[in-house]
Protein backbone atom coordinates (compact mmCIF):
# COMPACT_ATOMS: atom_id res chain seq x y z
CA MET A 1 -10.72 -24.58 17.53
CA THR A 2 -12.24 -22.02 15.17
CA HIS A 3 -12.60 -18.31 15.78
CA THR A 4 -15.50 -17.39 18.00
CA ALA A 5 -18.06 -15.42 16.01
CA SER A 6 -19.21 -12.78 18.43
CA THR A 7 -20.20 -9.17 17.88
CA PRO A 8 -17.37 -6.73 18.66
CA PRO A 9 -18.04 -4.02 21.23
CA PRO A 10 -17.82 -0.29 20.35
CA GLY A 11 -14.41 0.57 18.93
CA GLY A 12 -14.21 -2.61 16.86
CA ARG A 13 -12.23 -4.74 19.33
CA VAL A 14 -12.69 -8.43 18.64
CA PRO A 15 -13.59 -10.30 21.86
CA ARG A 16 -11.22 -13.14 22.66
CA PRO A 17 -12.23 -15.90 25.03
CA ALA A 18 -9.61 -17.21 27.42
CA THR A 19 -8.55 -20.49 25.86
CA GLU A 20 -5.51 -22.71 26.09
CA THR A 21 -2.36 -21.37 24.52
CA SER A 22 -1.70 -22.89 21.13
CA GLY A 23 1.36 -23.66 19.08
CA ALA A 24 0.52 -20.54 17.07
CA GLY A 25 0.55 -18.46 20.25
CA GLN A 26 3.91 -19.83 21.36
CA LEU A 27 5.44 -19.11 17.96
CA ALA A 28 4.03 -15.57 18.00
CA ALA A 29 5.51 -14.95 21.46
CA ARG A 30 8.94 -16.01 20.21
CA LEU A 31 8.68 -13.62 17.25
CA GLU A 32 7.53 -10.75 19.44
CA ARG A 33 10.40 -11.04 21.92
CA LEU A 34 13.12 -10.73 19.25
CA PRO A 35 15.19 -7.56 19.71
CA TRP A 36 15.44 -5.17 16.77
CA SER A 37 18.52 -6.13 14.78
CA GLY A 38 20.15 -6.24 11.39
CA TYR A 39 17.98 -9.22 10.47
CA GLN A 40 14.71 -7.27 10.62
CA ARG A 41 16.35 -4.29 8.94
CA LYS A 42 17.46 -6.55 6.08
CA LEU A 43 13.95 -7.97 5.66
CA LEU A 44 12.51 -4.47 5.63
CA LEU A 45 15.11 -3.29 3.11
CA VAL A 46 14.44 -6.18 0.70
CA VAL A 47 10.66 -5.71 0.80
CA ALA A 48 10.92 -1.90 0.64
CA THR A 49 13.19 -2.13 -2.41
CA ALA A 50 10.61 -4.28 -4.22
CA TRP A 51 7.96 -1.74 -3.20
CA LEU A 52 10.18 1.04 -4.58
CA PHE A 53 10.57 -0.70 -7.94
CA ASP A 54 6.82 -1.20 -8.16
CA SER A 55 6.28 2.48 -7.32
CA ILE A 56 8.63 3.51 -10.14
CA ASP A 57 6.56 1.40 -12.55
CA LEU A 58 3.30 2.90 -11.32
CA ALA A 59 4.53 6.49 -11.46
CA SER A 60 6.28 6.23 -14.82
CA LEU A 61 3.05 6.50 -16.81
CA THR A 62 2.70 10.07 -15.54
CA PHE A 63 5.81 10.97 -17.53
CA MET A 64 5.40 8.62 -20.49
CA LEU A 65 1.73 9.06 -21.37
CA SER A 66 2.46 12.04 -23.58
CA PRO A 67 5.01 10.30 -25.89
CA ILE A 68 2.88 7.13 -25.91
CA SER A 69 -0.18 9.17 -26.94
CA THR A 70 1.83 10.85 -29.67
CA GLU A 71 3.13 7.58 -31.15
CA PHE A 72 -0.29 5.86 -31.18
CA ALA A 73 -2.25 9.06 -31.96
CA LEU A 74 -4.44 8.65 -28.87
CA ASP A 75 -7.16 11.16 -28.09
CA HIS A 76 -7.83 12.33 -24.52
CA ALA A 77 -10.41 9.60 -23.88
CA GLN A 78 -8.04 6.85 -25.05
CA ALA A 79 -5.13 8.27 -23.02
CA GLY A 80 -7.33 8.35 -19.93
CA LEU A 81 -8.35 4.75 -20.56
CA VAL A 82 -4.69 3.70 -20.54
CA GLY A 83 -4.34 5.14 -17.04
CA SER A 84 -7.62 3.67 -15.80
CA THR A 85 -6.69 0.22 -17.16
CA SER A 86 -3.69 0.17 -14.82
CA PHE A 87 -5.94 0.71 -11.82
CA LEU A 88 -8.42 -1.89 -13.04
CA GLY A 89 -5.55 -4.39 -13.20
CA MET A 90 -4.49 -3.37 -9.69
CA LEU A 91 -8.04 -3.91 -8.44
CA VAL A 92 -8.16 -7.46 -9.81
CA GLY A 93 -4.58 -8.19 -8.74
CA ALA A 94 -5.20 -7.09 -5.17
CA VAL A 95 -8.21 -9.37 -4.69
CA VAL A 96 -6.72 -12.40 -6.44
CA ALA A 97 -3.31 -12.08 -4.77
CA GLY A 98 -4.87 -11.51 -1.36
CA ALA A 99 -6.88 -14.71 -1.64
CA LEU A 100 -3.88 -16.66 -2.96
CA ALA A 101 -1.61 -15.33 -0.22
CA ASP A 102 -3.97 -16.78 2.39
CA ARG A 103 -4.05 -20.12 0.57
CA VAL A 104 -0.54 -20.75 -0.75
CA GLY A 105 1.61 -18.36 1.30
CA ARG A 106 2.86 -14.80 1.39
CA ARG A 107 6.34 -15.25 -0.05
CA ARG A 108 5.31 -17.18 -3.16
CA VAL A 109 2.63 -14.68 -4.17
CA PHE A 110 4.92 -11.75 -3.40
CA GLN A 111 7.64 -13.18 -5.60
CA TRP A 112 5.32 -14.00 -8.51
CA SER A 113 3.71 -10.55 -8.41
CA ILE A 114 7.11 -9.04 -9.21
CA ILE A 115 7.68 -11.51 -12.02
CA VAL A 116 4.28 -10.64 -13.53
CA TRP A 117 4.98 -6.91 -13.69
CA GLY A 118 8.46 -7.60 -15.04
CA VAL A 119 7.06 -9.66 -17.92
CA ALA A 120 4.37 -7.03 -18.48
CA GLY A 121 7.05 -4.33 -18.74
CA ILE A 122 8.77 -6.20 -21.57
CA ALA A 123 5.41 -6.74 -23.26
CA LEU A 124 4.58 -3.02 -22.99
CA ALA A 125 7.84 -2.16 -24.71
CA LEU A 126 6.67 -4.36 -27.61
CA SER A 127 3.15 -2.87 -27.87
CA TRP A 128 2.06 -2.42 -31.48
CA ASP A 129 -1.35 -0.74 -31.17
CA PHE A 130 -3.86 0.72 -28.73
CA SER A 131 -5.44 -2.67 -27.88
CA SER A 132 -2.11 -4.32 -27.06
CA LEU A 133 -1.14 -1.29 -24.99
CA LEU A 134 -4.32 -1.66 -22.92
CA ALA A 135 -3.86 -5.42 -22.48
CA PHE A 136 -0.26 -5.16 -21.30
CA ARG A 137 -0.98 -2.16 -19.09
CA PHE A 138 -3.71 -4.24 -17.41
CA LEU A 139 -1.18 -7.05 -16.88
CA LEU A 140 1.29 -4.60 -15.36
CA GLY A 141 -1.43 -3.33 -13.03
CA LEU A 142 -2.24 -6.93 -12.10
CA GLY A 143 1.31 -7.44 -10.85
CA MET A 144 1.48 -4.11 -9.06
CA GLY A 145 -1.90 -4.58 -7.42
CA ALA A 146 -0.80 -8.00 -6.19
CA GLU A 147 2.51 -6.83 -4.73
CA PHE A 148 1.41 -3.94 -2.50
CA PRO A 149 -1.12 -5.68 -0.19
CA VAL A 150 0.86 -8.93 0.09
CA ALA A 151 4.06 -7.06 0.98
CA ALA A 152 2.21 -5.12 3.68
CA ALA A 153 0.73 -8.31 5.14
CA LEU A 154 4.11 -10.08 5.05
CA MET A 155 5.94 -7.34 6.94
CA ALA A 156 3.17 -6.98 9.52
CA GLU A 157 3.60 -10.65 10.41
CA PHE A 158 7.38 -10.45 10.83
CA LEU A 159 7.90 -7.21 12.72
CA PRO A 160 7.34 -6.95 16.49
CA ALA A 161 4.44 -4.84 17.79
CA GLU A 162 6.71 -1.96 18.84
CA ARG A 163 8.15 -1.59 15.31
CA ARG A 164 5.36 -2.87 13.10
CA GLY A 165 3.70 0.46 12.35
CA ARG A 166 6.95 2.26 11.65
CA GLY A 167 8.11 -0.51 9.29
CA ALA A 168 4.89 -0.42 7.30
CA ALA A 169 5.01 3.37 7.11
CA ILE A 170 8.55 3.19 5.73
CA LEU A 171 7.35 0.76 3.04
CA GLU A 172 4.84 3.30 1.76
CA GLY A 173 7.59 5.92 1.82
CA ALA A 174 8.97 4.19 -1.25
CA TRP A 175 6.14 5.76 -3.26
CA PRO A 176 7.30 9.44 -3.24
CA VAL A 177 10.90 8.27 -3.76
CA GLY A 178 9.73 6.07 -6.64
CA PHE A 179 7.77 8.95 -8.15
CA VAL A 180 10.84 11.20 -8.14
CA LEU A 181 13.06 8.42 -9.53
CA ALA A 182 10.52 7.68 -12.28
CA GLY A 183 10.55 11.33 -13.31
CA THR A 184 14.34 11.46 -13.23
CA LEU A 185 14.68 8.29 -15.32
CA ALA A 186 12.12 9.57 -17.81
CA TYR A 187 13.99 12.86 -18.09
CA PHE A 188 17.23 11.14 -19.08
CA ILE A 189 15.89 8.12 -21.01
CA VAL A 190 12.70 8.96 -22.88
CA GLU A 191 14.07 11.69 -25.16
CA PRO A 192 17.26 9.90 -26.36
CA LEU A 193 16.01 6.28 -26.27
CA GLY A 194 12.21 6.49 -26.36
CA TRP A 195 9.48 5.40 -23.98
CA ARG A 196 9.90 1.71 -24.85
CA ALA A 197 13.42 1.70 -23.39
CA MET A 198 12.00 3.02 -20.13
CA PHE A 199 9.72 -0.02 -19.79
CA VAL A 200 12.57 -2.41 -20.61
CA ILE A 201 14.76 -0.89 -17.89
CA GLU A 202 11.92 -1.10 -15.38
CA ALA A 203 11.27 -4.73 -16.33
CA CYS A 204 14.88 -5.61 -15.47
CA LEU A 205 14.15 -4.58 -11.89
CA ALA A 206 11.98 -7.71 -11.61
CA LEU A 207 15.20 -9.67 -11.12
CA TRP A 208 14.81 -8.55 -7.50
CA ALA A 209 12.45 -11.53 -7.19
CA LEU A 210 15.58 -13.71 -7.01
CA VAL A 211 16.77 -11.72 -4.00
CA ILE A 212 13.38 -12.17 -2.35
CA ARG A 213 13.55 -15.91 -2.89
CA ARG A 214 16.89 -16.03 -1.08
CA PHE A 215 16.32 -13.63 1.80
CA ILE A 216 12.60 -13.67 2.63
CA PRO A 217 11.25 -16.78 4.41
CA GLU A 218 7.60 -17.73 4.55
CA SER A 219 5.63 -16.10 7.35
CA PRO A 220 5.68 -18.39 10.43
CA ARG A 221 2.34 -16.93 11.47
CA TRP A 222 0.78 -17.97 8.16
CA LEU A 223 2.31 -21.45 8.43
CA ALA A 224 0.89 -21.84 11.94
CA THR A 225 -2.64 -20.96 10.80
CA HIS A 226 -2.35 -23.84 8.32
CA GLY A 227 -1.15 -26.29 10.95
CA ARG A 228 2.39 -26.41 9.54
CA TYR A 229 4.04 -25.96 12.92
CA ALA A 230 7.22 -27.89 12.10
CA GLU A 231 8.04 -25.55 9.20
CA ALA A 232 7.18 -22.49 11.29
CA GLU A 233 9.36 -23.80 14.12
CA GLN A 234 12.28 -24.33 11.76
CA ILE A 235 12.03 -20.80 10.33
CA ILE A 236 11.77 -19.15 13.75
CA THR A 237 14.70 -21.18 15.06
CA GLU A 238 16.82 -20.00 12.12
CA ILE A 239 15.72 -16.41 12.71
CA GLU A 240 16.60 -16.68 16.41
CA LYS A 241 20.08 -17.96 15.59
CA THR A 242 20.62 -15.15 13.08
CA VAL A 243 19.45 -12.46 15.51
CA GLU A 244 21.67 -13.86 18.27
CA ALA A 245 24.65 -13.85 15.91
CA THR A 246 23.84 -10.31 14.77
CA THR A 247 23.40 -8.83 18.24
CA GLY A 248 26.07 -10.94 19.95
CA LYS A 249 23.75 -11.46 22.92
CA PRO A 250 21.51 -14.32 24.08
CA LEU A 251 17.83 -13.79 23.36
CA PRO A 252 15.49 -12.84 26.19
CA GLU A 253 12.94 -15.41 27.24
CA PRO A 254 9.48 -15.01 25.67
CA ALA A 255 7.14 -13.09 27.95
CA GLY A 256 4.69 -15.97 27.69
CA PRO A 257 2.63 -17.59 24.96
CA VAL A 258 0.17 -15.31 23.21
CA ILE A 259 -3.33 -16.47 24.09
CA THR A 260 -5.07 -17.27 20.84
CA THR A 261 -8.16 -19.13 19.75
CA ALA A 262 -6.20 -20.61 16.84
CA SER A 263 -5.21 -24.06 18.03
CA GLY A 264 -5.08 -25.60 14.56
CA PRO A 265 -5.69 -24.90 10.90
CA GLU A 266 -8.41 -22.29 10.43
CA ARG A 267 -10.59 -21.38 7.52
CA GLY A 268 -10.41 -17.76 6.45
CA GLY A 269 -11.48 -16.26 3.15
CA ILE A 270 -14.02 -13.64 2.22
CA ARG A 271 -16.72 -15.15 4.47
CA ASP A 272 -14.47 -14.58 7.47
CA LEU A 273 -14.39 -10.86 6.65
CA PHE A 274 -18.18 -10.75 6.92
CA SER A 275 -18.49 -12.76 10.11
CA PRO A 276 -20.11 -10.84 12.99
CA SER A 277 -16.69 -10.18 14.49
CA TYR A 278 -15.19 -8.54 11.40
CA ARG A 279 -18.08 -7.22 9.32
CA ARG A 280 -17.97 -3.66 10.64
CA ARG A 281 -14.20 -3.53 10.45
CA THR A 282 -14.20 -4.78 6.84
CA LEU A 283 -16.87 -2.38 5.59
CA SER A 284 -15.30 0.55 7.42
CA LEU A 285 -11.91 -0.09 5.83
CA TRP A 286 -13.46 -0.48 2.39
CA ALA A 287 -15.16 2.91 2.83
CA VAL A 288 -11.94 4.55 4.03
CA TRP A 289 -9.89 3.19 1.13
CA PHE A 290 -12.56 4.07 -1.43
CA CYS A 291 -12.96 7.68 -0.22
CA ILE A 292 -9.21 8.31 0.08
CA LEU A 293 -8.29 6.96 -3.35
CA LEU A 294 -11.30 8.51 -5.07
CA GLY A 295 -10.31 11.89 -3.65
CA TYR A 296 -6.58 11.40 -4.17
CA TYR A 297 -6.60 10.29 -7.81
CA GLY A 298 -9.38 12.65 -8.79
CA LEU A 299 -7.29 15.48 -7.37
CA THR A 300 -3.78 14.52 -8.48
CA THR A 301 -5.00 14.29 -12.08
CA TRP A 302 -5.21 18.09 -11.99
CA LEU A 303 -2.18 19.08 -9.91
CA GLY A 304 -0.16 19.81 -13.04
CA GLY A 305 -3.20 21.03 -14.95
CA LEU A 306 -3.75 23.98 -12.64
CA LEU A 307 -0.09 24.93 -13.00
CA THR A 308 -0.38 25.04 -16.79
CA GLU A 309 -3.53 27.13 -16.45
CA ARG A 310 -1.41 29.61 -14.48
CA GLY A 311 0.98 30.02 -17.40
CA LEU A 312 3.59 27.24 -17.01
CA ASP A 313 4.51 25.09 -19.98
CA VAL A 314 4.29 21.29 -19.69
CA ILE A 315 8.02 20.78 -18.94
CA HIS A 316 8.05 23.33 -16.14
CA SER A 317 4.77 21.94 -14.83
CA ILE A 318 6.36 18.47 -14.54
CA GLN A 319 9.38 19.97 -12.78
CA TYR A 320 7.19 21.73 -10.22
CA VAL A 321 5.08 18.60 -9.64
CA LEU A 322 8.33 16.69 -8.95
CA LEU A 323 9.48 19.45 -6.60
CA MET A 324 6.20 19.23 -4.70
CA ALA A 325 6.43 15.42 -4.59
CA LEU A 326 9.76 15.71 -2.74
CA TRP A 327 7.79 16.97 0.26
CA GLY A 328 6.24 13.53 0.45
CA ILE A 329 9.56 12.22 1.81
CA PRO A 330 9.48 14.19 5.10
CA GLY A 331 5.74 13.49 5.11
CA PHE A 332 6.12 9.71 5.31
CA LEU A 333 9.07 10.00 7.72
CA SER A 334 6.95 12.06 10.10
CA ALA A 335 4.16 9.48 9.88
CA ALA A 336 6.62 6.64 10.52
CA TYR A 337 7.49 8.38 13.79
CA LEU A 338 3.98 9.34 14.82
CA VAL A 339 2.26 5.98 14.20
CA GLU A 340 4.27 4.60 17.13
CA ARG A 341 3.78 7.71 19.26
CA VAL A 342 0.15 8.77 18.89
CA GLY A 343 -1.12 5.50 17.40
CA ARG A 344 -2.40 4.37 14.00
CA LYS A 345 -5.97 5.57 14.38
CA PHE A 346 -5.39 9.21 15.23
CA CYS A 347 -2.28 9.46 13.06
CA LEU A 348 -4.29 8.35 10.01
CA ALA A 349 -7.24 10.57 10.89
CA GLY A 350 -4.97 13.57 11.53
CA TYR A 351 -3.08 13.31 8.25
CA THR A 352 -6.34 12.74 6.36
CA VAL A 353 -7.97 15.85 7.83
CA ALA A 354 -4.82 17.86 7.10
CA SER A 355 -4.92 16.55 3.50
CA ALA A 356 -8.51 17.78 3.24
CA VAL A 357 -7.52 21.28 4.39
CA ALA A 358 -4.51 21.38 2.04
CA ALA A 359 -6.58 20.12 -0.91
CA TYR A 360 -9.17 22.85 -0.38
CA ALA A 361 -6.40 25.46 -0.10
CA TYR A 362 -4.76 24.25 -3.33
CA GLY A 363 -8.05 24.58 -5.17
CA GLN A 364 -8.45 28.15 -3.88
CA ALA A 365 -4.86 29.25 -4.67
CA GLY A 366 -4.76 32.38 -6.75
CA ASP A 367 -1.31 32.41 -8.31
CA ARG A 368 1.64 30.18 -9.13
CA THR A 369 3.45 30.79 -5.83
CA GLU A 370 0.39 29.87 -3.79
CA LEU A 371 -0.12 26.74 -5.90
CA ILE A 372 3.44 25.54 -5.34
CA LEU A 373 3.33 26.30 -1.61
CA THR A 374 -0.05 24.64 -0.97
CA GLY A 375 0.86 21.79 -3.33
CA SER A 376 4.01 21.04 -1.34
CA ILE A 377 2.04 21.03 1.91
CA LEU A 378 -0.52 18.78 0.23
CA GLN A 379 2.13 16.23 -0.77
CA PHE A 380 3.56 16.24 2.77
CA PHE A 381 0.22 15.27 4.29
CA PHE A 382 -0.73 12.95 1.43
CA PHE A 383 2.21 10.66 2.00
CA GLY A 384 1.84 10.79 5.74
CA MET A 385 -1.76 9.66 5.18
CA TRP A 386 -0.66 6.84 2.84
CA SER A 387 1.95 5.59 5.28
CA ALA A 388 -0.48 5.49 8.19
CA LEU A 389 -3.11 3.75 6.03
CA TYR A 390 -0.72 0.96 4.96
CA ALA A 391 0.54 0.56 8.52
CA TYR A 392 -2.97 0.31 9.95
CA THR A 393 -4.92 -1.85 7.49
CA PRO A 394 -3.13 -5.24 7.69
CA GLU A 395 -3.22 -5.13 11.51
CA LEU A 396 -7.03 -5.16 11.55
CA PHE A 397 -7.47 -8.61 9.99
CA PRO A 398 -6.64 -12.06 11.42
CA THR A 399 -3.66 -13.93 9.98
CA ARG A 400 -5.90 -16.50 8.30
CA SER A 401 -7.63 -13.70 6.33
CA ARG A 402 -5.02 -10.95 6.29
CA GLY A 403 -4.21 -11.41 2.61
CA ILE A 404 -7.81 -11.26 1.38
CA GLY A 405 -8.61 -8.52 3.90
CA MET A 406 -5.76 -6.33 2.72
CA GLY A 407 -6.46 -7.23 -0.91
CA THR A 408 -10.16 -6.35 -0.83
CA ALA A 409 -9.52 -3.10 1.06
CA THR A 410 -6.97 -1.95 -1.51
CA ALA A 411 -9.31 -3.14 -4.28
CA ALA A 412 -12.05 -0.87 -2.91
CA GLY A 413 -9.50 1.90 -3.15
CA ARG A 414 -8.56 1.00 -6.72
CA LEU A 415 -12.24 1.24 -7.64
CA GLY A 416 -12.08 4.82 -6.39
CA ALA A 417 -8.88 5.32 -8.38
CA VAL A 418 -10.65 4.18 -11.56
CA LEU A 419 -13.68 6.42 -10.93
CA GLY A 420 -11.77 9.52 -9.83
CA PRO A 421 -10.20 10.56 -13.16
CA THR A 422 -13.43 9.59 -14.94
CA LEU A 423 -15.64 11.81 -12.77
CA VAL A 424 -13.31 14.83 -12.84
CA PRO A 425 -14.26 16.00 -16.38
CA ILE A 426 -17.95 15.85 -15.43
CA ILE A 427 -17.33 17.97 -12.31
CA LEU A 428 -15.12 20.36 -14.29
CA ASN A 429 -17.82 20.98 -16.87
CA ALA A 430 -20.51 21.43 -14.23
CA ALA A 431 -18.71 23.43 -11.53
CA GLY A 432 -15.08 24.17 -12.47
CA ALA A 433 -11.66 23.09 -11.15
CA THR A 434 -12.20 24.48 -7.65
CA ALA A 435 -15.09 22.06 -7.11
CA VAL A 436 -12.77 19.10 -7.84
CA PHE A 437 -10.56 20.00 -4.89
CA THR A 438 -13.49 20.85 -2.62
CA ILE A 439 -15.13 17.47 -3.28
CA SER A 440 -11.82 15.67 -2.71
CA ALA A 441 -11.47 17.49 0.61
CA GLY A 442 -14.95 16.33 1.58
CA LEU A 443 -14.09 12.71 0.76
CA PHE A 444 -11.01 12.91 2.98
CA LEU A 445 -13.12 14.23 5.85
CA ILE A 446 -15.58 11.36 5.44
CA ALA A 447 -12.71 8.85 5.57
CA ALA A 448 -11.27 10.43 8.72
CA SER A 449 -14.67 10.35 10.40
CA VAL A 450 -15.06 6.62 9.68
CA VAL A 451 -11.61 5.92 11.13
CA VAL A 452 -12.29 7.80 14.37
CA ALA A 453 -15.82 6.48 14.86
CA LEU A 454 -15.58 2.84 13.82
CA LEU A 455 -12.03 1.46 14.00
CA PRO A 456 -9.92 0.41 17.02
CA GLU A 457 -6.42 1.50 18.00
CA THR A 458 -3.69 -1.11 17.41
CA LYS A 459 -0.52 0.64 18.62
CA HIS A 460 2.02 -1.71 20.28
CA THR A 461 -0.49 -4.57 20.30
CA VAL A 462 0.41 -8.10 19.22
CA LEU A 463 -1.39 -9.09 16.02
CA GLU A 464 -3.09 -12.05 17.67
CA ASP A 465 -4.44 -9.76 20.39
CA ILE A 466 -5.92 -7.36 17.80
CA SER A 467 -7.58 -9.90 15.57
CA GLY A 468 -7.75 -13.24 17.27
């Protein structure tokens, strides 16, 4: 039976007719009743570690662009293009990987995304001119863009409703940690060994794909949507045995099969995202991601720049940016707590509004002390916002289209990430640095308004009950 295409009522809730319980619903009920144990913690650790390695790769260009520009004699426009090429690769990678994850499975695409950025890291270390640098940076972005949305979809389908938001928020917490680690590695490696050695070391982290192959099974929910119930049954049975052995207690009985309209293989894809049931949800998420990333990357381009304008040299500017980034760690931890307390919707909206206020304050800061103080507050709310966004987005799409839904939403954001640094010089010339932060604050407020007005709450709700 296919999904019923009906228009969702206000709040974006997808109507679900009372139908017979399906094999997919029974499997979901068995997953949901599993107690939290070392098994889920291990899954989360393996995926979060891959996310961390990817974050190190993404952040490293911040610290290596200067020596790369020096070696290849890049002007400002060419250096900016190197950064934008990464985001263009991430845009393409997110869409392609999302579609593939819905067709061939989450685990396989997740694993290959890591291999792609590992190979790209080696290739970057061998770059011989500006054109090869752009090509390999695009390839690296392709792998990174593929990994983030697929990892988020994978974890959403394994974790129970009571822990799902917190787990996804912890995944995104790898970003500030990765940023700090990238800066630390660059500090110790780039000067004695050169920037090429940094990329080689990062590429070695791709060996984590072998760990993923051993410890991460395919999503039973994805298997069920493709009618592969025997495989899903086998995986869930193995998980149940592992959890029982870990906890030393018999498992509780499932509360009852999850009622679902998915009684057999279903067709998802991009058309599913624009069905009457999901059109508003899809477009709203695209707008939210676009506004947040346009504001975020347009703004962060100039975090260090304003510090140098206040008299700091480049080295001290990098040190202060790293110091401010450390505040992202308590930021994502607070969001990981609040997404399960106040809910995804208002947690995301709250952190986004707070980011808008902090961004405006940073742009108005008058001296170095004010910049560092407001910048630290800004990083705290930024990473709380990111964590809530990654926790919320994969829950709003059905399993059959979760990969492409997550992929296209993040791709809309990457489009903003490409445009942000490009538009900043135009705004600077026309209105000055303060206007950059004021416009970013306005974009955050628009995103928060869309979340509150158009998207539903998903706290402690089974995935099948959110999306059908």
